[in-house]
Amino acid sequence: MAYRGRRPEHGGPPELFYDETEARKYVRNSRMIDIQTRMAGRALELLYLPENKPCYLLDIGCGTGLSGGYLSDEGHYWVGLDISPAMLGPGIPSCPAAVP
């Protein structure tokens, strides 16, 4: 969805823009996966967490949980919150943030 440089959530409630269809696209988009992985890696660097010690992290605005998947791969525990229930992955098996 193109929004001429504006964030879509500024034009209406999140369920208009972040539905299950968009969530599925998000978790399957290799470019988005790459961006989220790099951003999560950089965030861990900036947090300067103790080495070889798993930490418990909060991901606010986690979307489908792509960054959280990276955090888990790095040995950390995480919980994510998002304003859009559809992005939290009910019915999307490949979604790391899936809520039963």
PDB file of N, CA and C in Angstrom:
ATOM      1  N   MET A   1       0.833  -1.183   0.000  1.00  0.00           N
ATOM      2  CA  MET A   1       0.000   0.000   0.000  1.00  0.00           C
ATOM      3  C   MET A   1       0.879   1.250   0.000  1.00  0.00           C
ATOM      4  N   ALA A   2       0.735   2.098  -0.960  1.00  0.00           N
ATOM      5  CA  ALA A   2       1.516   3.333  -1.044  1.00  0.00           C
ATOM      6  C   ALA A   2       0.731   4.481  -0.412  1.00  0.00           C
ATOM      7  N   TYR A   3       1.423   5.281   0.384  1.00  0.00           N
ATOM      8  CA  TYR A   3       0.750   6.379   1.073  1.00  0.00           C
ATOM      9  C   TYR A   3       1.491   7.702   0.930  1.00  0.00           C
ATOM     10  N   ARG A   4       2.213   7.881  -0.177  1.00  0.00           N
ATOM     11  CA  ARG A   4       2.875   9.145  -0.512  1.00  0.00           C
ATOM     12  C   ARG A   4       3.715   9.695   0.629  1.00  0.00           C
ATOM     13  N   GLY A   5       4.572   8.865   1.197  1.00  0.00           N
ATOM     14  CA  GLY A   5       5.498   9.325   2.216  1.00  0.00           C
ATOM     15  C   GLY A   5       4.931   9.461   3.613  1.00  0.00           C
ATOM     16  N   ARG A   6       3.646   9.272   3.762  1.00  0.00           N
ATOM     17  CA  ARG A   6       3.041   9.361   5.097  1.00  0.00           C
ATOM     18  C   ARG A   6       2.867   7.970   5.668  1.00  0.00           C
ATOM     19  N   ARG A   7       2.897   7.868   6.941  1.00  0.00           N
ATOM     20  CA  ARG A   7       2.662   6.587   7.588  1.00  0.00           C
ATOM     21  C   ARG A   7       1.180   6.270   7.499  1.00  0.00           C
ATOM     22  N   PRO A   8       0.813   5.057   7.091  1.00  0.00           N
ATOM     23  CA  PRO A   8      -0.610   4.735   6.908  1.00  0.00           C
ATOM     24  C   PRO A   8      -1.431   4.879   8.177  1.00  0.00           C
ATOM     25  N   GLU A   9      -0.842   4.591   9.333  1.00  0.00           N
ATOM     26  CA  GLU A   9      -1.623   4.662  10.569  1.00  0.00           C
ATOM     27  C   GLU A   9      -2.016   6.091  10.927  1.00  0.00           C
ATOM     28  N   HIS A  10      -1.425   7.089  10.262  1.00  0.00           N
ATOM     29  CA  HIS A  10      -1.827   8.473  10.497  1.00  0.00           C
ATOM     30  C   HIS A  10      -3.133   8.801   9.769  1.00  0.00           C
ATOM     31  N   GLY A  11      -3.549   7.920   8.859  1.00  0.00           N
ATOM     32  CA  GLY A  11      -4.754   8.164   8.088  1.00  0.00           C
ATOM     33  C   GLY A  11      -5.975   7.413   8.574  1.00  0.00           C
ATOM     34  N   GLY A  12      -5.842   6.629   9.624  1.00  0.00           N
ATOM     35  CA  GLY A  12      -6.977   5.875  10.135  1.00  0.00           C
ATOM     36  C   GLY A  12      -6.524   4.825  11.132  1.00  0.00           C
ATOM     37  N   PRO A  13      -7.460   4.066  11.668  1.00  0.00           N
ATOM     38  CA  PRO A  13      -7.121   3.055  12.673  1.00  0.00           C
ATOM     39  C   PRO A  13      -6.282   1.918  12.065  1.00  0.00           C
ATOM     40  N   PRO A  14      -5.468   1.252  12.879  1.00  0.00           N
ATOM     41  CA  PRO A  14      -4.549   0.230  12.371  1.00  0.00           C
ATOM     42  C   PRO A  14      -5.219  -0.917  11.630  1.00  0.00           C
ATOM     43  N   GLU A  15      -6.427  -1.281  12.032  1.00  0.00           N
ATOM     44  CA  GLU A  15      -7.081  -2.416  11.365  1.00  0.00           C
ATOM     45  C   GLU A  15      -7.393  -2.138   9.894  1.00  0.00           C
ATOM     46  N   LEU A  16      -7.374  -0.866   9.491  1.00  0.00           N
ATOM     47  CA  LEU A  16      -7.560  -0.534   8.079  1.00  0.00           C
ATOM     48  C   LEU A  16      -6.325  -0.874   7.245  1.00  0.00           C
ATOM     49  N   PHE A  17      -5.164  -0.860   7.868  1.00  0.00           N
ATOM     50  CA  PHE A  17      -3.912  -1.011   7.136  1.00  0.00           C
ATOM     51  C   PHE A  17      -3.131  -2.261   7.509  1.00  0.00           C
ATOM     52  N   TYR A  18      -3.336  -2.777   8.687  1.00  0.00           N
ATOM     53  CA  TYR A  18      -2.567  -3.914   9.167  1.00  0.00           C
ATOM     54  C   TYR A  18      -3.499  -5.075   9.462  1.00  0.00           C
ATOM     55  N   ASP A  19      -4.061  -5.635   8.419  1.00  0.00           N
ATOM     56  CA  ASP A  19      -4.951  -6.774   8.574  1.00  0.00           C
ATOM     57  C   ASP A  19      -4.165  -8.068   8.340  1.00  0.00           C
ATOM     58  N   GLU A  20      -4.853  -9.219   8.370  1.00  0.00           N
ATOM     59  CA  GLU A  20      -4.168 -10.497   8.199  1.00  0.00           C
ATOM     60  C   GLU A  20      -3.497 -10.621   6.836  1.00  0.00           C
ATOM     61  N   THR A  21      -4.082 -10.032   5.810  1.00  0.00           N
ATOM     62  CA  THR A  21      -3.470 -10.070   4.479  1.00  0.00           C
ATOM     63  C   THR A  21      -2.129  -9.352   4.493  1.00  0.00           C
ATOM     64  N   GLU A  22      -2.096  -8.164   5.079  1.00  0.00           N
ATOM     65  CA  GLU A  22      -0.836  -7.410   5.157  1.00  0.00           C
ATOM     66  C   GLU A  22       0.171  -8.124   6.054  1.00  0.00           C
ATOM     67  N   ALA A  23      -0.298  -8.730   7.135  1.00  0.00           N
ATOM     68  CA  ALA A  23       0.611  -9.463   8.027  1.00  0.00           C
ATOM     69  C   ALA A  23       1.272 -10.625   7.295  1.00  0.00           C
ATOM     70  N   ARG A  24       0.493 -11.349   6.489  1.00  0.00           N
ATOM     71  CA  ARG A  24       1.062 -12.460   5.712  1.00  0.00           C
ATOM     72  C   ARG A  24       2.116 -11.958   4.734  1.00  0.00           C
ATOM     73  N   LYS A  25       1.841 -10.840   4.065  1.00  0.00           N
ATOM     74  CA  LYS A  25       2.817 -10.254   3.141  1.00  0.00           C
ATOM     75  C   LYS A  25       4.097  -9.897   3.886  1.00  0.00           C
ATOM     76  N   TYR A  26       3.940  -9.338   5.066  1.00  0.00           N
ATOM     77  CA  TYR A  26       5.066  -8.870   5.869  1.00  0.00           C
ATOM     78  C   TYR A  26       6.001 -10.018   6.235  1.00  0.00           C
ATOM     79  N   VAL A  27       5.438 -11.138   6.683  1.00  0.00           N
ATOM     80  CA  VAL A  27       6.289 -12.254   7.118  1.00  0.00           C
ATOM     81  C   VAL A  27       6.886 -13.031   5.950  1.00  0.00           C
ATOM     82  N   ARG A  28       6.408 -12.792   4.731  1.00  0.00           N
ATOM     83  CA  ARG A  28       6.933 -13.496   3.556  1.00  0.00           C
ATOM     84  C   ARG A  28       7.845 -12.622   2.701  1.00  0.00           C
ATOM     85  N   ASN A  29       7.942 -11.354   3.003  1.00  0.00           N
ATOM     86  CA  ASN A  29       8.716 -10.418   2.201  1.00  0.00           C
ATOM     87  C   ASN A  29      10.193 -10.487   2.593  1.00  0.00           C
ATOM     88  N   SER A  30      11.034 -11.003   1.711  1.00  0.00           N
ATOM     89  CA  SER A  30      12.448 -11.195   2.037  1.00  0.00           C
ATOM     90  C   SER A  30      13.155  -9.873   2.327  1.00  0.00           C
ATOM     91  N   ARG A  31      12.742  -8.811   1.656  1.00  0.00           N
ATOM     92  CA  ARG A  31      13.350  -7.505   1.933  1.00  0.00           C
ATOM     93  C   ARG A  31      13.021  -7.048   3.350  1.00  0.00           C
ATOM     94  N   MET A  32      11.751  -7.206   3.751  1.00  0.00           N
ATOM     95  CA  MET A  32      11.344  -6.803   5.090  1.00  0.00           C
ATOM     96  C   MET A  32      12.041  -7.661   6.152  1.00  0.00           C
ATOM     97  N   ILE A  33      12.153  -8.953   5.888  1.00  0.00           N
ATOM     98  CA  ILE A  33      12.833  -9.850   6.825  1.00  0.00           C
ATOM     99  C   ILE A  33      14.287  -9.417   7.000  1.00  0.00           C
ATOM    100  N   ASP A  34      14.952  -9.087   5.893  1.00  0.00           N
ATOM    101  CA  ASP A  34      16.342  -8.640   5.955  1.00  0.00           C
ATOM    102  C   ASP A  34      16.477  -7.341   6.744  1.00  0.00           C
ATOM    103  N   ILE A  35      15.603  -6.382   6.475  1.00  0.00           N
ATOM    104  CA  ILE A  35      15.647  -5.092   7.181  1.00  0.00           C
ATOM    105  C   ILE A  35      15.425  -5.297   8.672  1.00  0.00           C
ATOM    106  N   GLN A  36      14.398  -6.059   9.041  1.00  0.00           N
ATOM    107  CA  GLN A  36      14.094  -6.280  10.456  1.00  0.00           C
ATOM    108  C   GLN A  36      15.221  -7.020  11.170  1.00  0.00           C
ATOM    109  N   THR A  37      15.840  -7.973  10.487  1.00  0.00           N
ATOM    110  CA  THR A  37      16.950  -8.720  11.074  1.00  0.00           C
ATOM    111  C   THR A  37      18.130  -7.790  11.348  1.00  0.00           C
ATOM    112  N   ARG A  38      18.462  -6.949  10.376  1.00  0.00           N
ATOM    113  CA  ARG A  38      19.579  -6.009  10.563  1.00  0.00           C
ATOM    114  C   ARG A  38      19.270  -4.993  11.663  1.00  0.00           C
ATOM    115  N   MET A  39      18.029  -4.506  11.698  1.00  0.00           N
ATOM    116  CA  MET A  39      17.658  -3.541  12.738  1.00  0.00           C
ATOM    117  C   MET A  39      17.699  -4.174  14.126  1.00  0.00           C
ATOM    118  N   ALA A  40      17.244  -5.400  14.240  1.00  0.00           N
ATOM    119  CA  ALA A  40      17.274  -6.084  15.536  1.00  0.00           C
ATOM    120  C   ALA A  40      18.715  -6.320  15.978  1.00  0.00           C
ATOM    121  N   GLY A  41      19.575  -6.693  15.048  1.00  0.00           N
ATOM    122  CA  GLY A  41      20.993  -6.885  15.373  1.00  0.00           C
ATOM    123  C   GLY A  41      21.625  -5.599  15.867  1.00  0.00           C
ATOM    124  N   ARG A  42      21.320  -4.498  15.191  1.00  0.00           N
ATOM    125  CA  ARG A  42      21.865  -3.197  15.603  1.00  0.00           C
ATOM    126  C   ARG A  42      21.308  -2.785  16.964  1.00  0.00           C
ATOM    127  N   ALA A  43      20.028  -3.042  17.203  1.00  0.00           N
ATOM    128  CA  ALA A  43      19.436  -2.713  18.509  1.00  0.00           C
ATOM    129  C   ALA A  43      20.145  -3.475  19.630  1.00  0.00           C
ATOM    130  N   LEU A  44      20.453  -4.747  19.397  1.00  0.00           N
ATOM    131  CA  LEU A  44      21.178  -5.524  20.414  1.00  0.00           C
ATOM    132  C   LEU A  44      22.559  -4.930  20.674  1.00  0.00           C
ATOM    133  N   GLU A  45      23.232  -4.486  19.612  1.00  0.00           N
ATOM    134  CA  GLU A  45      24.536  -3.838  19.792  1.00  0.00           C
ATOM    135  C   GLU A  45      24.406  -2.590  20.657  1.00  0.00           C
ATOM    136  N   LEU A  46      23.405  -1.768  20.369  1.00  0.00           N
ATOM    137  CA  LEU A  46      23.216  -0.517  21.096  1.00  0.00           C
ATOM    138  C   LEU A  46      22.804  -0.738  22.549  1.00  0.00           C
ATOM    139  N   LEU A  47      22.109  -1.837  22.815  1.00  0.00           N
ATOM    140  CA  LEU A  47      21.704  -2.134  24.195  1.00  0.00           C
ATOM    141  C   LEU A  47      22.881  -2.549  25.056  1.00  0.00           C
ATOM    142  N   TYR A  48      23.938  -3.042  24.412  1.00  0.00           N
ATOM    143  CA  TYR A  48      25.157  -3.458  25.111  1.00  0.00           C
ATOM    144  C   TYR A  48      24.830  -4.416  26.264  1.00  0.00           C
ATOM    145  N   LEU A  49      24.138  -5.483  25.914  1.00  0.00           N
ATOM    146  CA  LEU A  49      23.733  -6.493  26.893  1.00  0.00           C
ATOM    147  C   LEU A  49      24.930  -7.360  27.282  1.00  0.00           C
ATOM    148  N   PRO A  50      24.893  -7.955  28.465  1.00  0.00           N
ATOM    149  CA  PRO A  50      25.999  -8.835  28.868  1.00  0.00           C
ATOM    150  C   PRO A  50      26.132 -10.017  27.906  1.00  0.00           C
ATOM    151  N   GLU A  51      27.366 -10.366  27.593  1.00  0.00           N
ATOM    152  CA  GLU A  51      27.601 -11.488  26.688  1.00  0.00           C
ATOM    153  C   GLU A  51      27.299 -12.815  27.374  1.00  0.00           C
ATOM    154  N   ASN A  52      26.830 -13.768  26.589  1.00  0.00           N
ATOM    155  CA  ASN A  52      26.543 -15.129  27.048  1.00  0.00           C
ATOM    156  C   ASN A  52      25.563 -15.183  28.210  1.00  0.00           C
ATOM    157  N   LYS A  53      24.694 -14.183  28.293  1.00  0.00           N
ATOM    158  CA  LYS A  53      23.671 -14.162  29.342  1.00  0.00           C
ATOM    159  C   LYS A  53      22.339 -13.784  28.689  1.00  0.00           C
ATOM    160  N   PRO A  54      21.408 -14.735  28.592  1.00  0.00           N
ATOM    161  CA  PRO A  54      20.113 -14.405  27.992  1.00  0.00           C
ATOM    162  C   PRO A  54      19.405 -13.302  28.779  1.00  0.00           C
ATOM    163  N   CYS A  55      18.794 -12.399  28.065  1.00  0.00           N
ATOM    164  CA  CYS A  55      18.047 -11.302  28.686  1.00  0.00           C
ATOM    165  C   CYS A  55      16.584 -11.394  28.258  1.00  0.00           C
ATOM    166  N   TYR A  56      15.727 -10.775  29.045  1.00  0.00           N
ATOM    167  CA  TYR A  56      14.305 -10.726  28.761  1.00  0.00           C
ATOM    168  C   TYR A  56      14.005  -9.338  28.213  1.00  0.00           C
ATOM    169  N   LEU A  57      13.507  -9.267  26.982  1.00  0.00           N
ATOM    170  CA  LEU A  57      13.330  -7.993  26.301  1.00  0.00           C
ATOM    171  C   LEU A  57      11.871  -7.757  25.923  1.00  0.00           C
ATOM    172  N   LEU A  58      11.475  -6.488  25.907  1.00  0.00           N
ATOM    173  CA  LEU A  58      10.132  -6.086  25.505  1.00  0.00           C
ATOM    174  C   LEU A  58      10.222  -5.415  24.146  1.00  0.00           C
ATOM    175  N   ASP A  59       9.464  -5.911  23.176  1.00  0.00           N
ATOM    176  CA  ASP A  59       9.422  -5.345  21.823  1.00  0.00           C
ATOM    177  C   ASP A  59       8.074  -4.657  21.653  1.00  0.00           C
ATOM    178  N   ILE A  60       8.073  -3.333  21.808  1.00  0.00           N
ATOM    179  CA  ILE A  60       6.841  -2.555  21.661  1.00  0.00           C
ATOM    180  C   ILE A  60       6.666  -2.211  20.190  1.00  0.00           C
ATOM    181  N   GLY A  61       5.515  -2.556  19.644  1.00  0.00           N
ATOM    182  CA  GLY A  61       5.288  -2.366  18.213  1.00  0.00           C
ATOM    183  C   GLY A  61       5.936  -3.493  17.431  1.00  0.00           C
ATOM    184  N   CYS A  62       5.816  -4.707  17.947  1.00  0.00           N
ATOM    185  CA  CYS A  62       6.525  -5.859  17.388  1.00  0.00           C
ATOM    186  C   CYS A  62       6.009  -6.317  16.037  1.00  0.00           C
ATOM    187  N   GLY A  63       4.811  -5.862  15.661  1.00  0.00           N
ATOM    188  CA  GLY A  63       4.258  -6.331  14.387  1.00  0.00           C
ATOM    189  C   GLY A  63       4.159  -7.846  14.386  1.00  0.00           C
ATOM    190  N   THR A  64       4.684  -8.460  13.342  1.00  0.00           N
ATOM    191  CA  THR A  64       4.615  -9.916  13.218  1.00  0.00           C
ATOM    192  C   THR A  64       5.702 -10.630  14.007  1.00  0.00           C
ATOM    193  N   GLY A  65       6.578  -9.888  14.645  1.00  0.00           N
ATOM    194  CA  GLY A  65       7.597 -10.504  15.487  1.00  0.00           C
ATOM    195  C   GLY A  65       8.883 -10.883  14.782  1.00  0.00           C
ATOM    196  N   LEU A  66       9.136 -10.314  13.603  1.00  0.00           N
ATOM    197  CA  LEU A  66      10.365 -10.650  12.891  1.00  0.00           C
ATOM    198  C   LEU A  66      11.602 -10.321  13.723  1.00  0.00           C
ATOM    199  N   SER A  67      11.594  -9.178  14.383  1.00  0.00           N
ATOM    200  CA  SER A  67      12.736  -8.816  15.227  1.00  0.00           C
ATOM    201  C   SER A  67      12.847  -9.752  16.428  1.00  0.00           C
ATOM    202  N   GLY A  68      11.699 -10.128  16.975  1.00  0.00           N
ATOM    203  CA  GLY A  68      11.698 -11.054  18.100  1.00  0.00           C
ATOM    204  C   GLY A  68      12.261 -12.410  17.730  1.00  0.00           C
ATOM    205  N   GLY A  69      11.990 -12.846  16.509  1.00  0.00           N
ATOM    206  CA  GLY A  69      12.578 -14.097  16.038  1.00  0.00           C
ATOM    207  C   GLY A  69      14.092 -14.027  16.063  1.00  0.00           C
ATOM    208  N   TYR A  70      14.637 -12.886  15.680  1.00  0.00           N
ATOM    209  CA  TYR A  70      16.090 -12.682  15.725  1.00  0.00           C
ATOM    210  C   TYR A  70      16.582 -12.702  17.169  1.00  0.00           C
ATOM    211  N   LEU A  71      15.844 -12.041  18.052  1.00  0.00           N
ATOM    212  CA  LEU A  71      16.228 -12.029  19.465  1.00  0.00           C
ATOM    213  C   LEU A  71      16.282 -13.448  20.026  1.00  0.00           C
ATOM    214  N   SER A  72      15.294 -14.261  19.675  1.00  0.00           N
ATOM    215  CA  SER A  72      15.285 -15.666  20.116  1.00  0.00           C
ATOM    216  C   SER A  72      16.484 -16.419  19.562  1.00  0.00           C
ATOM    217  N   ASP A  73      16.787 -16.192  18.289  1.00  0.00           N
ATOM    218  CA  ASP A  73      17.940 -16.852  17.670  1.00  0.00           C
ATOM    219  C   ASP A  73      19.245 -16.487  18.376  1.00  0.00           C
ATOM    220  N   GLU A  74      19.286 -15.290  18.949  1.00  0.00           N
ATOM    221  CA  GLU A  74      20.476 -14.839  19.667  1.00  0.00           C
ATOM    222  C   GLU A  74      20.473 -15.291  21.138  1.00  0.00           C
ATOM    223  N   GLY A  75      19.451 -16.065  21.522  1.00  0.00           N
ATOM    224  CA  GLY A  75      19.417 -16.639  22.867  1.00  0.00           C
ATOM    225  C   GLY A  75      18.661 -15.833  23.898  1.00  0.00           C
ATOM    226  N   HIS A  76      17.955 -14.808  23.475  1.00  0.00           N
ATOM    227  CA  HIS A  76      17.213 -13.969  24.411  1.00  0.00           C
ATOM    228  C   HIS A  76      15.744 -14.378  24.455  1.00  0.00           C
ATOM    229  N   TYR A  77      15.074 -13.939  25.500  1.00  0.00           N
ATOM    230  CA  TYR A  77      13.634 -14.139  25.652  1.00  0.00           C
ATOM    231  C   TYR A  77      12.977 -12.800  25.363  1.00  0.00           C
ATOM    232  N   TRP A  78      11.800 -12.849  24.780  1.00  0.00           N
ATOM    233  CA  TRP A  78      11.146 -11.585  24.460  1.00  0.00           C
ATOM    234  C   TRP A  78       9.646 -11.726  24.504  1.00  0.00           C
ATOM    235  N   VAL A  79       9.001 -10.595  24.708  1.00  0.00           N
ATOM    236  CA  VAL A  79       7.550 -10.499  24.604  1.00  0.00           C
ATOM    237  C   VAL A  79       7.278  -9.269  23.747  1.00  0.00           C
ATOM    238  N   GLY A  80       6.290  -9.388  22.873  1.00  0.00           N
ATOM    239  CA  GLY A  80       5.984  -8.278  21.984  1.00  0.00           C
ATOM    240  C   GLY A  80       4.566  -7.779  22.149  1.00  0.00           C
ATOM    241  N   LEU A  81       4.398  -6.491  21.941  1.00  0.00           N
ATOM    242  CA  LEU A  81       3.089  -5.841  21.975  1.00  0.00           C
ATOM    243  C   LEU A  81       2.892  -5.119  20.649  1.00  0.00           C
ATOM    244  N   ASP A  82       1.676  -5.128  20.147  1.00  0.00           N
ATOM    245  CA  ASP A  82       1.390  -4.384  18.926  1.00  0.00           C
ATOM    246  C   ASP A  82      -0.047  -3.898  18.960  1.00  0.00           C
ATOM    247  N   ILE A  83      -0.294  -2.744  18.361  1.00  0.00           N
ATOM    248  CA  ILE A  83      -1.625  -2.160  18.344  1.00  0.00           C
ATOM    249  C   ILE A  83      -2.583  -2.938  17.433  1.00  0.00           C
ATOM    250  N   SER A  84      -2.036  -3.691  16.491  1.00  0.00           N
ATOM    251  CA  SER A  84      -2.862  -4.427  15.538  1.00  0.00           C
ATOM    252  C   SER A  84      -2.920  -5.912  15.885  1.00  0.00           C
ATOM    253  N   PRO A  85      -4.074  -6.402  16.303  1.00  0.00           N
ATOM    254  CA  PRO A  85      -4.189  -7.832  16.617  1.00  0.00           C
ATOM    255  C   PRO A  85      -3.847  -8.727  15.426  1.00  0.00           C
ATOM    256  N   ALA A  86      -4.146  -8.290  14.215  1.00  0.00           N
ATOM    257  CA  ALA A  86      -3.851  -9.112  13.036  1.00  0.00           C
ATOM    258  C   ALA A  86      -2.352  -9.311  12.855  1.00  0.00           C
ATOM    259  N   MET A  87      -1.553  -8.316  13.211  1.00  0.00           N
ATOM    260  CA  MET A  87      -0.107  -8.436  13.069  1.00  0.00           C
ATOM    261  C   MET A  87       0.477  -9.408  14.088  1.00  0.00           C
ATOM    262  N   LEU A  88      -0.258  -9.679  15.147  1.00  0.00           N
ATOM    263  CA  LEU A  88       0.233 -10.610  16.167  1.00  0.00           C
ATOM    264  C   LEU A  88       0.063 -12.065  15.758  1.00  0.00           C
ATOM    265  N   GLY A  89      -0.479 -12.289  14.595  1.00  0.00           N
ATOM    266  CA  GLY A  89      -0.383 -13.575  13.966  1.00  0.00           C
ATOM    267  C   GLY A  89      -1.365 -14.681  14.191  1.00  0.00           C
ATOM    268  N   PRO A  90      -2.549 -14.454  14.699  1.00  0.00           N
ATOM    269  CA  PRO A  90      -3.455 -15.586  14.761  1.00  0.00           C
ATOM    270  C   PRO A  90      -3.710 -16.101  13.343  1.00  0.00           C
ATOM    271  N   GLY A  91      -3.491 -17.357  13.132  1.00  0.00           N
ATOM    272  CA  GLY A  91      -3.721 -17.939  11.824  1.00  0.00           C
ATOM    273  C   GLY A  91      -2.558 -17.815  10.861  1.00  0.00           C
ATOM    274  N   ILE A  92      -1.420 -17.290  11.322  1.00  0.00           N
ATOM    275  CA  ILE A  92      -0.239 -17.177  10.473  1.00  0.00           C
ATOM    276  C   ILE A  92       0.877 -18.016  11.117  1.00  0.00           C
ATOM    277  N   PRO A  93       0.986 -19.289  10.748  1.00  0.00           N
ATOM    278  CA  PRO A  93       1.927 -20.200  11.410  1.00  0.00           C
ATOM    279  C   PRO A  93       3.385 -19.736  11.384  1.00  0.00           C
ATOM    280  N   SER A  94       3.808 -19.013  10.341  1.00  0.00           N
ATOM    281  CA  SER A  94       5.197 -18.606  10.250  1.00  0.00           C
ATOM    282  C   SER A  94       5.490 -17.322  11.031  1.00  0.00           C
ATOM    283  N   CYS A  95       4.499 -16.802  11.729  1.00  0.00           N
ATOM    284  CA  CYS A  95       4.643 -15.545  12.449  1.00  0.00           C
ATOM    285  C   CYS A  95       5.236 -15.790  13.845  1.00  0.00           C
ATOM    286  N   PRO A  96       6.445 -15.248  14.121  1.00  0.00           N
ATOM    287  CA  PRO A  96       7.056 -15.468  15.430  1.00  0.00           C
ATOM    288  C   PRO A  96       6.252 -14.915  16.597  1.00  0.00           C
ATOM    289  N   ALA A  97       5.399 -13.923  16.333  1.00  0.00           N
ATOM    290  CA  ALA A  97       4.617 -13.308  17.417  1.00  0.00           C
ATOM    291  C   ALA A  97       3.239 -13.948  17.561  1.00  0.00           C
ATOM    292  N   ALA A  98       3.021 -15.085  16.943  1.00  0.00           N
ATOM    293  CA  ALA A  98       1.695 -15.685  16.933  1.00  0.00           C
ATOM    294  C   ALA A  98       1.160 -15.926  18.342  1.00  0.00           C
ATOM    295  N   VAL A  99      -0.055 -15.505  18.516  1.00  0.00           N
ATOM    296  CA  VAL A  99      -0.757 -15.675  19.795  1.00  0.00           C
ATOM    297  C   VAL A  99      -1.855 -16.708  19.578  1.00  0.00           C
ATOM    298  N   PRO A 100      -1.904 -17.727  20.425  1.00  0.00           N
ATOM    299  CA  PRO A 100      -2.946 -18.750  20.231  1.00  0.00           C
ATOM    300  C   PRO A 100      -4.344 -18.185  20.469  1.00  0.00           C
TER     301      PRO A 100
END
